[in-house]
């Protein structure tokens, strides 16, 4: 099992969650669509050669974003990450994947 976490602007929270859920993420036993999300502020600066969804080259951009966390079974994690990337508006979405231990 993996824990999958990604950061997404508020405008695309539901769209990305739906894509990941469709790929099998967020399932715990007899429950699906399980996730945790927290609102915060992200920042980034688009560099030369970037094609930002938000912001302008060379300028620091601050945006309302959500951190979305969920679990995903081993055999589905690559598909879940790919689904998030496909639904995400950023050309370089920030995400984390952690292997979980069952104790």
C-alpha atoms as a PDB file:
ATOM      1  CA  UNK A   1       0.000   0.000   0.000  1.00  0.00           C
ATOM      2  CA  UNK A   2       1.129   3.540  -0.730  1.00  0.00           C
ATOM      3  CA  UNK A   3       0.227   6.967   0.572  1.00  0.00           C
ATOM      4  CA  UNK A   4      -0.171   9.420  -2.292  1.00  0.00           C
ATOM      5  CA  UNK A   5      -0.157  13.176  -1.701  1.00  0.00           C
ATOM      6  CA  UNK A   6      -0.359  16.000  -4.219  1.00  0.00           C
ATOM      7  CA  UNK A   7      -0.820  19.765  -4.287  1.00  0.00           C
ATOM      8  CA  UNK A   8      -3.424  21.355  -6.544  1.00  0.00           C
ATOM      9  CA  UNK A   9      -5.063  24.763  -6.979  1.00  0.00           C
ATOM     10  CA  UNK A  10      -8.556  25.059  -5.509  1.00  0.00           C
ATOM     11  CA  UNK A  11     -10.052  25.229  -9.010  1.00  0.00           C
ATOM     12  CA  UNK A  12      -9.001  21.617  -9.756  1.00  0.00           C
ATOM     13  CA  UNK A  13      -9.375  19.768  -6.428  1.00  0.00           C
ATOM     14  CA  UNK A  14     -12.523  17.839  -7.324  1.00  0.00           C
ATOM     15  CA  UNK A  15     -11.408  17.136 -10.895  1.00  0.00           C
ATOM     16  CA  UNK A  16      -8.086  15.610  -9.794  1.00  0.00           C
ATOM     17  CA  UNK A  17      -9.661  13.590  -6.970  1.00  0.00           C
ATOM     18  CA  UNK A  18     -12.248  12.152  -9.369  1.00  0.00           C
ATOM     19  CA  UNK A  19      -9.486  11.120 -11.779  1.00  0.00           C
ATOM     20  CA  UNK A  20      -7.430   9.424  -9.058  1.00  0.00           C
ATOM     21  CA  UNK A  21     -10.494   7.698  -7.592  1.00  0.00           C
ATOM     22  CA  UNK A  22     -11.353   6.393 -11.080  1.00  0.00           C
ATOM     23  CA  UNK A  23      -7.841   4.930 -11.301  1.00  0.00           C
ATOM     24  CA  UNK A  24      -8.360   3.074  -7.999  1.00  0.00           C
ATOM     25  CA  UNK A  25      -6.818   5.475  -5.486  1.00  0.00           C
ATOM     26  CA  UNK A  26      -8.533   6.239  -2.197  1.00  0.00           C
ATOM     27  CA  UNK A  27      -9.903   2.792  -1.480  1.00  0.00           C
ATOM     28  CA  UNK A  28      -9.782   1.391   2.076  1.00  0.00           C
ATOM     29  CA  UNK A  29     -11.477  -1.970   2.579  1.00  0.00           C
ATOM     30  CA  UNK A  30     -15.157  -1.620   1.692  1.00  0.00           C
ATOM     31  CA  UNK A  31     -14.902   2.172   1.212  1.00  0.00           C
ATOM     32  CA  UNK A  32     -13.841   4.198  -1.792  1.00  0.00           C
ATOM     33  CA  UNK A  33     -13.310   7.904  -2.517  1.00  0.00           C
ATOM     34  CA  UNK A  34     -11.391   8.210   0.784  1.00  0.00           C
ATOM     35  CA  UNK A  35      -9.137  11.278   1.009  1.00  0.00           C
ATOM     36  CA  UNK A  36      -7.874  13.995   3.315  1.00  0.00           C
ATOM     37  CA  UNK A  37      -7.423  17.550   2.075  1.00  0.00           C
ATOM     38  CA  UNK A  38      -6.085  20.686   3.672  1.00  0.00           C
ATOM     39  CA  UNK A  39      -6.116  24.232   2.311  1.00  0.00           C
ATOM     40  CA  UNK A  40      -2.928  26.282   2.249  1.00  0.00           C
ATOM     41  CA  UNK A  41      -0.891  28.653   0.148  1.00  0.00           C
ATOM     42  CA  UNK A  42       1.633  27.446  -2.402  1.00  0.00           C
ATOM     43  CA  UNK A  43       4.232  29.486  -4.187  1.00  0.00           C
ATOM     44  CA  UNK A  44       6.448  29.087  -7.230  1.00  0.00           C
ATOM     45  CA  UNK A  45       8.320  31.138  -9.798  1.00  0.00           C
ATOM     46  CA  UNK A  46       8.030  30.142 -13.462  1.00  0.00           C
ATOM     47  CA  UNK A  47      11.466  30.081 -15.084  1.00  0.00           C
ATOM     48  CA  UNK A  48      12.436  30.724 -18.696  1.00  0.00           C
ATOM     49  CA  UNK A  49      11.012  28.030 -20.942  1.00  0.00           C
ATOM     50  CA  UNK A  50       8.065  27.267 -18.653  1.00  0.00           C
ATOM     51  CA  UNK A  51       4.424  27.405 -19.718  1.00  0.00           C
ATOM     52  CA  UNK A  52       2.665  28.250 -16.427  1.00  0.00           C
ATOM     53  CA  UNK A  53      -1.048  27.712 -15.841  1.00  0.00           C
ATOM     54  CA  UNK A  54      -0.828  30.622 -13.365  1.00  0.00           C
ATOM     55  CA  UNK A  55       1.715  33.405 -12.995  1.00  0.00           C
ATOM     56  CA  UNK A  56       4.344  34.954 -15.235  1.00  0.00           C
ATOM     57  CA  UNK A  57       7.922  34.061 -16.064  1.00  0.00           C
ATOM     58  CA  UNK A  58      10.352  35.344 -13.453  1.00  0.00           C
ATOM     59  CA  UNK A  59       7.657  36.423 -10.967  1.00  0.00           C
ATOM     60  CA  UNK A  60       6.892  34.623  -7.695  1.00  0.00           C
ATOM     61  CA  UNK A  61       3.263  33.489  -7.706  1.00  0.00           C
ATOM     62  CA  UNK A  62       1.290  32.653  -4.565  1.00  0.00           C
ATOM     63  CA  UNK A  63      -1.916  30.685  -4.940  1.00  0.00           C
ATOM     64  CA  UNK A  64      -4.605  29.020  -2.809  1.00  0.00           C
ATOM     65  CA  UNK A  65      -3.883  25.312  -3.090  1.00  0.00           C
ATOM     66  CA  UNK A  66      -4.957  22.088  -1.441  1.00  0.00           C
ATOM     67  CA  UNK A  67      -2.852  19.208  -0.201  1.00  0.00           C
ATOM     68  CA  UNK A  68      -4.765  16.036  -1.051  1.00  0.00           C
ATOM     69  CA  UNK A  69      -3.765  12.736   0.576  1.00  0.00           C
ATOM     70  CA  UNK A  70      -5.038   9.206   0.062  1.00  0.00           C
ATOM     71  CA  UNK A  71      -3.923   5.604   0.050  1.00  0.00           C
ATOM     72  CA  UNK A  72      -3.486   3.468  -3.035  1.00  0.00           C
ATOM     73  CA  UNK A  73      -2.830  -0.232  -3.552  1.00  0.00           C
ATOM     74  CA  UNK A  74       0.570  -1.239  -4.891  1.00  0.00           C
ATOM     75  CA  UNK A  75      -0.637  -2.417  -8.296  1.00  0.00           C
ATOM     76  CA  UNK A  76      -2.610   0.821  -8.913  1.00  0.00           C
ATOM     77  CA  UNK A  77      -0.175   3.550  -7.792  1.00  0.00           C
ATOM     78  CA  UNK A  78       1.351   4.263 -11.217  1.00  0.00           C
ATOM     79  CA  UNK A  79      -2.093   4.586 -12.787  1.00  0.00           C
ATOM     80  CA  UNK A  80      -3.254   6.847  -9.929  1.00  0.00           C
ATOM     81  CA  UNK A  81      -0.260   9.184 -10.350  1.00  0.00           C
ATOM     82  CA  UNK A  82      -0.744   9.246 -14.135  1.00  0.00           C
ATOM     83  CA  UNK A  83      -4.446  10.086 -13.692  1.00  0.00           C
ATOM     84  CA  UNK A  84      -3.600  12.963 -11.327  1.00  0.00           C
ATOM     85  CA  UNK A  85      -1.048  14.355 -13.785  1.00  0.00           C
ATOM     86  CA  UNK A  86      -3.550  14.134 -16.653  1.00  0.00           C
ATOM     87  CA  UNK A  87      -6.244  16.019 -14.692  1.00  0.00           C
ATOM     88  CA  UNK A  88      -3.886  18.550 -13.067  1.00  0.00           C
ATOM     89  CA  UNK A  89      -3.562  22.016 -14.649  1.00  0.00           C
ATOM     90  CA  UNK A  90       0.148  22.515 -13.813  1.00  0.00           C
ATOM     91  CA  UNK A  91       2.792  21.324 -16.264  1.00  0.00           C
ATOM     92  CA  UNK A  92       4.903  20.149 -13.268  1.00  0.00           C
ATOM     93  CA  UNK A  93       2.545  19.095 -10.456  1.00  0.00           C
ATOM     94  CA  UNK A  94       4.131  18.581  -7.039  1.00  0.00           C
ATOM     95  CA  UNK A  95       3.386  15.204  -5.465  1.00  0.00           C
ATOM     96  CA  UNK A  96       4.754  12.641  -3.014  1.00  0.00           C
ATOM     97  CA  UNK A  97       4.446   8.847  -2.844  1.00  0.00           C
ATOM     98  CA  UNK A  98       5.309   6.862   0.305  1.00  0.00           C
ATOM     99  CA  UNK A  99       5.316   3.096   0.810  1.00  0.00           C
ATOM    100  CA  UNK A 100       3.277   2.149   3.905  1.00  0.00           C
ATOM    101  CA  UNK A 101       4.003  -0.691   6.328  1.00  0.00           C
ATOM    102  CA  UNK A 102       1.198  -2.853   7.710  1.00  0.00           C
ATOM    103  CA  UNK A 103       1.885  -3.489  11.403  1.00  0.00           C
END
